[in-house]
């Protein structure tokens, strides 16, 4: 156990300053989002900007592109939540199960296809995992920006696989952060579900 602790400390010392900064802002995002605080989007904007570079440097091209998408969605979510705040609070809503099932089927096909579109220099055993984390995160982020309750259920699964992906690519702090994200996704789901049941029971929204 002491040897493992020593190894972890040594790895933490070698983490880049950029990763430390990216992790710091990333930790704020899901906690603020779970509390429906609009400041989650500025935090996401900063962290994703940093991660675009970080993931490109460790040859995770899909995650690099994913964070470019996150950056765009951070602006979209910020504007949408702000607009609703000026009018009326954007309520937590749900999507019918058949839509999620249809989207999951589409995302699985897309995740299997994406690795075949990159150059040989990026081919690796974890490229499929990179692709699956990416495509499902795109969908979950869209659900988050529109305050769809089920986004947290997707994040519970995504964060588990993402943590493993980052650990095996040497991004220790980021991997540890996604373990923390797993817990925050549970917290976010039950908190949003409570708000949904209180404010809009029985109300559904279609994408």
C-alpha atoms as a PDB file:
ATOM      1  CA  UNK A   1       0.000   0.000   0.000  1.00  0.00           C
ATOM      2  CA  UNK A   2       2.850   2.393   0.859  1.00  0.00           C
ATOM      3  CA  UNK A   3       4.514   1.622  -2.491  1.00  0.00           C
ATOM      4  CA  UNK A   4       1.288   2.406  -4.328  1.00  0.00           C
ATOM      5  CA  UNK A   5       0.943   5.667  -2.405  1.00  0.00           C
ATOM      6  CA  UNK A   6       4.517   6.610  -3.300  1.00  0.00           C
ATOM      7  CA  UNK A   7       3.918   5.857  -6.976  1.00  0.00           C
ATOM      8  CA  UNK A   8       0.776   7.998  -7.005  1.00  0.00           C
ATOM      9  CA  UNK A   9       2.604  10.907  -5.374  1.00  0.00           C
ATOM     10  CA  UNK A  10       5.421  10.642  -7.892  1.00  0.00           C
ATOM     11  CA  UNK A  11       2.990  10.644 -10.803  1.00  0.00           C
ATOM     12  CA  UNK A  12       1.115  13.631  -9.407  1.00  0.00           C
ATOM     13  CA  UNK A  13       4.398  15.586  -9.235  1.00  0.00           C
ATOM     14  CA  UNK A  14       4.908  15.053 -12.949  1.00  0.00           C
ATOM     15  CA  UNK A  15       1.463  16.213 -14.020  1.00  0.00           C
ATOM     16  CA  UNK A  16       1.582  19.307 -16.211  1.00  0.00           C
ATOM     17  CA  UNK A  17       0.576  22.738 -14.954  1.00  0.00           C
ATOM     18  CA  UNK A  18      -1.999  22.870 -17.728  1.00  0.00           C
ATOM     19  CA  UNK A  19      -3.617  19.637 -16.536  1.00  0.00           C
ATOM     20  CA  UNK A  20      -3.746  20.922 -12.953  1.00  0.00           C
ATOM     21  CA  UNK A  21      -5.484  24.083 -14.149  1.00  0.00           C
ATOM     22  CA  UNK A  22      -7.853  22.126 -16.402  1.00  0.00           C
ATOM     23  CA  UNK A  23      -8.765  19.753 -13.579  1.00  0.00           C
ATOM     24  CA  UNK A  24      -9.345  22.633 -11.155  1.00  0.00           C
ATOM     25  CA  UNK A  25     -11.933  24.293 -13.385  1.00  0.00           C
ATOM     26  CA  UNK A  26     -13.398  20.947 -14.447  1.00  0.00           C
ATOM     27  CA  UNK A  27     -14.132  20.060 -10.830  1.00  0.00           C
ATOM     28  CA  UNK A  28     -16.317  23.143 -10.521  1.00  0.00           C
ATOM     29  CA  UNK A  29     -18.426  22.379 -13.592  1.00  0.00           C
ATOM     30  CA  UNK A  30     -20.485  19.304 -12.542  1.00  0.00           C
ATOM     31  CA  UNK A  31     -20.910  20.530  -8.962  1.00  0.00           C
ATOM     32  CA  UNK A  32     -22.284  23.877 -10.153  1.00  0.00           C
ATOM     33  CA  UNK A  33     -24.354  22.133 -12.864  1.00  0.00           C
ATOM     34  CA  UNK A  34     -25.898  19.776 -10.305  1.00  0.00           C
ATOM     35  CA  UNK A  35     -26.981  22.859  -8.368  1.00  0.00           C
ATOM     36  CA  UNK A  36     -28.304  24.448 -11.600  1.00  0.00           C
ATOM     37  CA  UNK A  37     -25.855  27.350 -11.167  1.00  0.00           C
ATOM     38  CA  UNK A  38     -25.167  29.173 -14.433  1.00  0.00           C
ATOM     39  CA  UNK A  39     -21.507  29.642 -13.461  1.00  0.00           C
ATOM     40  CA  UNK A  40     -20.956  26.014 -14.448  1.00  0.00           C
ATOM     41  CA  UNK A  41     -20.666  27.156 -18.073  1.00  0.00           C
ATOM     42  CA  UNK A  42     -17.806  29.679 -17.648  1.00  0.00           C
ATOM     43  CA  UNK A  43     -15.930  27.000 -15.688  1.00  0.00           C
ATOM     44  CA  UNK A  44     -16.533  24.543 -18.533  1.00  0.00           C
ATOM     45  CA  UNK A  45     -15.381  27.116 -21.093  1.00  0.00           C
ATOM     46  CA  UNK A  46     -11.978  27.485 -19.419  1.00  0.00           C
ATOM     47  CA  UNK A  47     -11.381  23.787 -18.717  1.00  0.00           C
ATOM     48  CA  UNK A  48     -12.356  22.634 -22.203  1.00  0.00           C
ATOM     49  CA  UNK A  49     -10.074  25.198 -23.828  1.00  0.00           C
ATOM     50  CA  UNK A  50      -7.150  23.688 -21.926  1.00  0.00           C
ATOM     51  CA  UNK A  51      -8.143  20.074 -22.587  1.00  0.00           C
ATOM     52  CA  UNK A  52      -8.276  20.584 -26.367  1.00  0.00           C
ATOM     53  CA  UNK A  53      -4.479  20.952 -26.256  1.00  0.00           C
ATOM     54  CA  UNK A  54      -3.845  18.363 -23.538  1.00  0.00           C
ATOM     55  CA  UNK A  55      -5.688  15.499 -25.248  1.00  0.00           C
ATOM     56  CA  UNK A  56      -4.115  16.288 -28.603  1.00  0.00           C
ATOM     57  CA  UNK A  57      -0.672  16.010 -27.005  1.00  0.00           C
ATOM     58  CA  UNK A  58      -1.368  12.488 -25.649  1.00  0.00           C
ATOM     59  CA  UNK A  59      -2.857  11.274 -28.968  1.00  0.00           C
ATOM     60  CA  UNK A  60      -6.518  11.158 -27.972  1.00  0.00           C
ATOM     61  CA  UNK A  61      -7.847  12.915 -31.080  1.00  0.00           C
ATOM     62  CA  UNK A  62     -11.522  12.213 -30.450  1.00  0.00           C
ATOM     63  CA  UNK A  63     -11.334  13.618 -26.928  1.00  0.00           C
ATOM     64  CA  UNK A  64      -9.575  16.696 -28.293  1.00  0.00           C
ATOM     65  CA  UNK A  65     -12.388  17.254 -30.796  1.00  0.00           C
ATOM     66  CA  UNK A  66     -14.896  16.438 -28.060  1.00  0.00           C
ATOM     67  CA  UNK A  67     -13.555  19.294 -25.950  1.00  0.00           C
ATOM     68  CA  UNK A  68     -13.897  21.643 -28.893  1.00  0.00           C
ATOM     69  CA  UNK A  69     -17.555  20.580 -28.935  1.00  0.00           C
ATOM     70  CA  UNK A  70     -17.697  21.102 -25.145  1.00  0.00           C
ATOM     71  CA  UNK A  71     -16.397  24.630 -25.659  1.00  0.00           C
ATOM     72  CA  UNK A  72     -19.152  25.391 -28.158  1.00  0.00           C
ATOM     73  CA  UNK A  73     -21.779  23.780 -25.908  1.00  0.00           C
ATOM     74  CA  UNK A  74     -20.499  25.769 -22.917  1.00  0.00           C
ATOM     75  CA  UNK A  75     -21.309  28.947 -24.837  1.00  0.00           C
ATOM     76  CA  UNK A  76     -24.673  27.492 -25.953  1.00  0.00           C
ATOM     77  CA  UNK A  77     -25.597  26.336 -22.444  1.00  0.00           C
ATOM     78  CA  UNK A  78     -24.497  29.632 -20.899  1.00  0.00           C
ATOM     79  CA  UNK A  79     -26.633  31.657 -23.327  1.00  0.00           C
ATOM     80  CA  UNK A  80     -29.651  29.358 -23.001  1.00  0.00           C
ATOM     81  CA  UNK A  81     -29.590  29.259 -19.193  1.00  0.00           C
ATOM     82  CA  UNK A  82     -29.048  33.024 -19.084  1.00  0.00           C
ATOM     83  CA  UNK A  83     -31.950  33.674 -21.440  1.00  0.00           C
ATOM     84  CA  UNK A  84     -34.241  31.491 -19.363  1.00  0.00           C
ATOM     85  CA  UNK A  85     -33.017  33.155 -16.175  1.00  0.00           C
ATOM     86  CA  UNK A  86     -34.111  36.522 -17.577  1.00  0.00           C
ATOM     87  CA  UNK A  87     -37.538  35.139 -18.454  1.00  0.00           C
ATOM     88  CA  UNK A  88     -38.314  32.068 -16.420  1.00  0.00           C
ATOM     89  CA  UNK A  89     -36.131  29.366 -14.911  1.00  0.00           C
ATOM     90  CA  UNK A  90     -35.361  26.566 -17.363  1.00  0.00           C
ATOM     91  CA  UNK A  91     -37.056  23.541 -15.813  1.00  0.00           C
ATOM     92  CA  UNK A  92     -35.702  20.021 -15.572  1.00  0.00           C
ATOM     93  CA  UNK A  93     -37.549  17.799 -18.059  1.00  0.00           C
ATOM     94  CA  UNK A  94     -37.418  14.206 -19.343  1.00  0.00           C
ATOM     95  CA  UNK A  95     -37.267  12.503 -22.739  1.00  0.00           C
ATOM     96  CA  UNK A  96     -39.231   9.352 -23.662  1.00  0.00           C
ATOM     97  CA  UNK A  97     -37.232   6.128 -23.386  1.00  0.00           C
ATOM     98  CA  UNK A  98     -37.601   5.197 -27.065  1.00  0.00           C
ATOM     99  CA  UNK A  99     -35.693   8.335 -28.093  1.00  0.00           C
ATOM    100  CA  UNK A 100     -32.776   7.407 -25.827  1.00  0.00           C
ATOM    101  CA  UNK A 101     -32.777   3.840 -27.175  1.00  0.00           C
ATOM    102  CA  UNK A 102     -32.739   5.119 -30.740  1.00  0.00           C
ATOM    103  CA  UNK A 103     -29.882   7.509 -29.951  1.00  0.00           C
ATOM    104  CA  UNK A 104     -27.862   4.814 -28.145  1.00  0.00           C
ATOM    105  CA  UNK A 105     -28.124   2.559 -31.203  1.00  0.00           C
ATOM    106  CA  UNK A 106     -26.968   5.382 -33.458  1.00  0.00           C
ATOM    107  CA  UNK A 107     -24.083   6.295 -31.138  1.00  0.00           C
ATOM    108  CA  UNK A 108     -22.856   2.680 -30.937  1.00  0.00           C
ATOM    109  CA  UNK A 109     -22.642   2.522 -34.741  1.00  0.00           C
ATOM    110  CA  UNK A 110     -20.883   5.891 -34.838  1.00  0.00           C
ATOM    111  CA  UNK A 111     -18.442   4.830 -32.115  1.00  0.00           C
ATOM    112  CA  UNK A 112     -17.502   1.721 -34.090  1.00  0.00           C
ATOM    113  CA  UNK A 113     -17.063   3.704 -37.307  1.00  0.00           C
ATOM    114  CA  UNK A 114     -14.997   6.665 -36.081  1.00  0.00           C
ATOM    115  CA  UNK A 115     -11.685   4.825 -35.430  1.00  0.00           C
ATOM    116  CA  UNK A 116     -11.591   3.861 -39.107  1.00  0.00           C
ATOM    117  CA  UNK A 117     -11.537   7.518 -40.130  1.00  0.00           C
ATOM    118  CA  UNK A 118      -8.268   8.519 -38.429  1.00  0.00           C
ATOM    119  CA  UNK A 119      -4.706   8.124 -39.675  1.00  0.00           C
ATOM    120  CA  UNK A 120      -2.532   5.122 -38.844  1.00  0.00           C
ATOM    121  CA  UNK A 121      -0.409   7.281 -36.522  1.00  0.00           C
ATOM    122  CA  UNK A 122      -3.319   7.338 -34.078  1.00  0.00           C
ATOM    123  CA  UNK A 123      -4.279   3.668 -34.288  1.00  0.00           C
ATOM    124  CA  UNK A 124      -4.218   1.992 -30.889  1.00  0.00           C
ATOM    125  CA  UNK A 125      -6.044  -0.421 -28.627  1.00  0.00           C
ATOM    126  CA  UNK A 126      -7.807   2.396 -26.796  1.00  0.00           C
ATOM    127  CA  UNK A 127      -8.986   4.278 -29.897  1.00  0.00           C
ATOM    128  CA  UNK A 128     -12.416   2.618 -29.809  1.00  0.00           C
ATOM    129  CA  UNK A 129     -12.832   3.539 -26.151  1.00  0.00           C
ATOM    130  CA  UNK A 130     -11.797   7.093 -27.028  1.00  0.00           C
ATOM    131  CA  UNK A 131     -14.482   7.132 -29.752  1.00  0.00           C
ATOM    132  CA  UNK A 132     -17.251   5.727 -27.545  1.00  0.00           C
ATOM    133  CA  UNK A 133     -16.506   8.144 -24.697  1.00  0.00           C
ATOM    134  CA  UNK A 134     -16.585  10.964 -27.245  1.00  0.00           C
ATOM    135  CA  UNK A 135     -19.860  10.192 -29.049  1.00  0.00           C
ATOM    136  CA  UNK A 136     -21.811   9.457 -25.885  1.00  0.00           C
ATOM    137  CA  UNK A 137     -20.411  12.569 -24.206  1.00  0.00           C
ATOM    138  CA  UNK A 138     -21.658  14.685 -27.120  1.00  0.00           C
ATOM    139  CA  UNK A 139     -25.187  13.404 -26.540  1.00  0.00           C
ATOM    140  CA  UNK A 140     -25.019  13.710 -22.748  1.00  0.00           C
ATOM    141  CA  UNK A 141     -23.730  17.277 -22.983  1.00  0.00           C
ATOM    142  CA  UNK A 142     -26.635  18.267 -25.233  1.00  0.00           C
ATOM    143  CA  UNK A 143     -29.028  16.775 -22.672  1.00  0.00           C
ATOM    144  CA  UNK A 144     -27.252  18.679 -19.895  1.00  0.00           C
ATOM    145  CA  UNK A 145     -27.477  22.015 -21.735  1.00  0.00           C
ATOM    146  CA  UNK A 146     -31.228  21.492 -22.134  1.00  0.00           C
ATOM    147  CA  UNK A 147     -31.690  20.300 -18.534  1.00  0.00           C
ATOM    148  CA  UNK A 148     -32.842  16.803 -19.496  1.00  0.00           C
ATOM    149  CA  UNK A 149     -32.808  14.668 -16.347  1.00  0.00           C
ATOM    150  CA  UNK A 150     -31.409  11.536 -17.996  1.00  0.00           C
ATOM    151  CA  UNK A 151     -28.120  13.254 -18.844  1.00  0.00           C
ATOM    152  CA  UNK A 152     -26.816  12.227 -15.424  1.00  0.00           C
ATOM    153  CA  UNK A 153     -27.530   8.536 -16.074  1.00  0.00           C
ATOM    154  CA  UNK A 154     -25.403   8.712 -19.216  1.00  0.00           C
ATOM    155  CA  UNK A 155     -22.641  10.505 -17.326  1.00  0.00           C
ATOM    156  CA  UNK A 156     -22.536   7.797 -14.643  1.00  0.00           C
ATOM    157  CA  UNK A 157     -21.550   5.258 -17.306  1.00  0.00           C
ATOM    158  CA  UNK A 158     -19.388   7.609 -19.390  1.00  0.00           C
ATOM    159  CA  UNK A 159     -17.347   8.784 -16.407  1.00  0.00           C
ATOM    160  CA  UNK A 160     -16.525   5.201 -15.418  1.00  0.00           C
ATOM    161  CA  UNK A 161     -15.029   4.381 -18.827  1.00  0.00           C
ATOM    162  CA  UNK A 162     -13.423   7.797 -19.202  1.00  0.00           C
ATOM    163  CA  UNK A 163     -11.544   7.427 -15.905  1.00  0.00           C
ATOM    164  CA  UNK A 164      -9.992   4.175 -17.135  1.00  0.00           C
ATOM    165  CA  UNK A 165      -9.108   5.734 -20.501  1.00  0.00           C
ATOM    166  CA  UNK A 166      -7.264   8.647 -18.909  1.00  0.00           C
ATOM    167  CA  UNK A 167      -5.414   6.470 -16.398  1.00  0.00           C
ATOM    168  CA  UNK A 168      -3.964   4.239 -19.121  1.00  0.00           C
ATOM    169  CA  UNK A 169      -2.842   7.333 -21.048  1.00  0.00           C
ATOM    170  CA  UNK A 170      -0.925   8.800 -18.106  1.00  0.00           C
ATOM    171  CA  UNK A 171      -3.422  11.535 -17.220  1.00  0.00           C
ATOM    172  CA  UNK A 172      -3.592  10.619 -13.548  1.00  0.00           C
ATOM    173  CA  UNK A 173      -5.246  13.778 -12.242  1.00  0.00           C
ATOM    174  CA  UNK A 174      -7.829  13.704 -15.009  1.00  0.00           C
ATOM    175  CA  UNK A 175      -8.582  10.030 -14.294  1.00  0.00           C
ATOM    176  CA  UNK A 176      -9.020  10.787 -10.592  1.00  0.00           C
ATOM    177  CA  UNK A 177     -11.249  13.713 -11.500  1.00  0.00           C
ATOM    178  CA  UNK A 178     -13.553  11.436 -13.490  1.00  0.00           C
ATOM    179  CA  UNK A 179     -13.893   9.109 -10.514  1.00  0.00           C
ATOM    180  CA  UNK A 180     -15.075  12.202  -8.636  1.00  0.00           C
ATOM    181  CA  UNK A 181     -17.357  12.989 -11.586  1.00  0.00           C
ATOM    182  CA  UNK A 182     -18.948   9.560 -11.156  1.00  0.00           C
ATOM    183  CA  UNK A 183     -20.032  10.520  -7.637  1.00  0.00           C
ATOM    184  CA  UNK A 184     -21.188  13.953  -8.778  1.00  0.00           C
ATOM    185  CA  UNK A 185     -23.281  12.367 -11.522  1.00  0.00           C
ATOM    186  CA  UNK A 186     -25.129  10.347  -8.880  1.00  0.00           C
ATOM    187  CA  UNK A 187     -25.597  13.491  -6.794  1.00  0.00           C
ATOM    188  CA  UNK A 188     -26.750  15.465  -9.840  1.00  0.00           C
ATOM    189  CA  UNK A 189     -29.291  12.838 -10.869  1.00  0.00           C
ATOM    190  CA  UNK A 190     -31.009  12.628  -7.505  1.00  0.00           C
ATOM    191  CA  UNK A 191     -30.969  16.412  -7.035  1.00  0.00           C
ATOM    192  CA  UNK A 192     -32.421  17.114 -10.497  1.00  0.00           C
ATOM    193  CA  UNK A 193     -34.928  14.277 -10.069  1.00  0.00           C
ATOM    194  CA  UNK A 194     -36.153  15.864  -6.841  1.00  0.00           C
ATOM    195  CA  UNK A 195     -36.555  19.209  -8.621  1.00  0.00           C
ATOM    196  CA  UNK A 196     -38.319  17.533 -11.534  1.00  0.00           C
ATOM    197  CA  UNK A 197     -40.810  15.724  -9.318  1.00  0.00           C
ATOM    198  CA  UNK A 198     -41.507  18.910  -7.408  1.00  0.00           C
ATOM    199  CA  UNK A 199     -41.829  21.344 -10.308  1.00  0.00           C
ATOM    200  CA  UNK A 200     -42.844  19.475 -13.431  1.00  0.00           C
ATOM    201  CA  UNK A 201     -44.135  16.009 -12.626  1.00  0.00           C
ATOM    202  CA  UNK A 202     -45.499  14.339 -15.719  1.00  0.00           C
ATOM    203  CA  UNK A 203     -44.140  16.908 -18.154  1.00  0.00           C
ATOM    204  CA  UNK A 204     -42.094  15.558 -21.077  1.00  0.00           C
ATOM    205  CA  UNK A 205     -40.114  17.278 -23.787  1.00  0.00           C
ATOM    206  CA  UNK A 206     -39.034  15.931 -27.177  1.00  0.00           C
ATOM    207  CA  UNK A 207     -35.626  16.690 -28.670  1.00  0.00           C
END
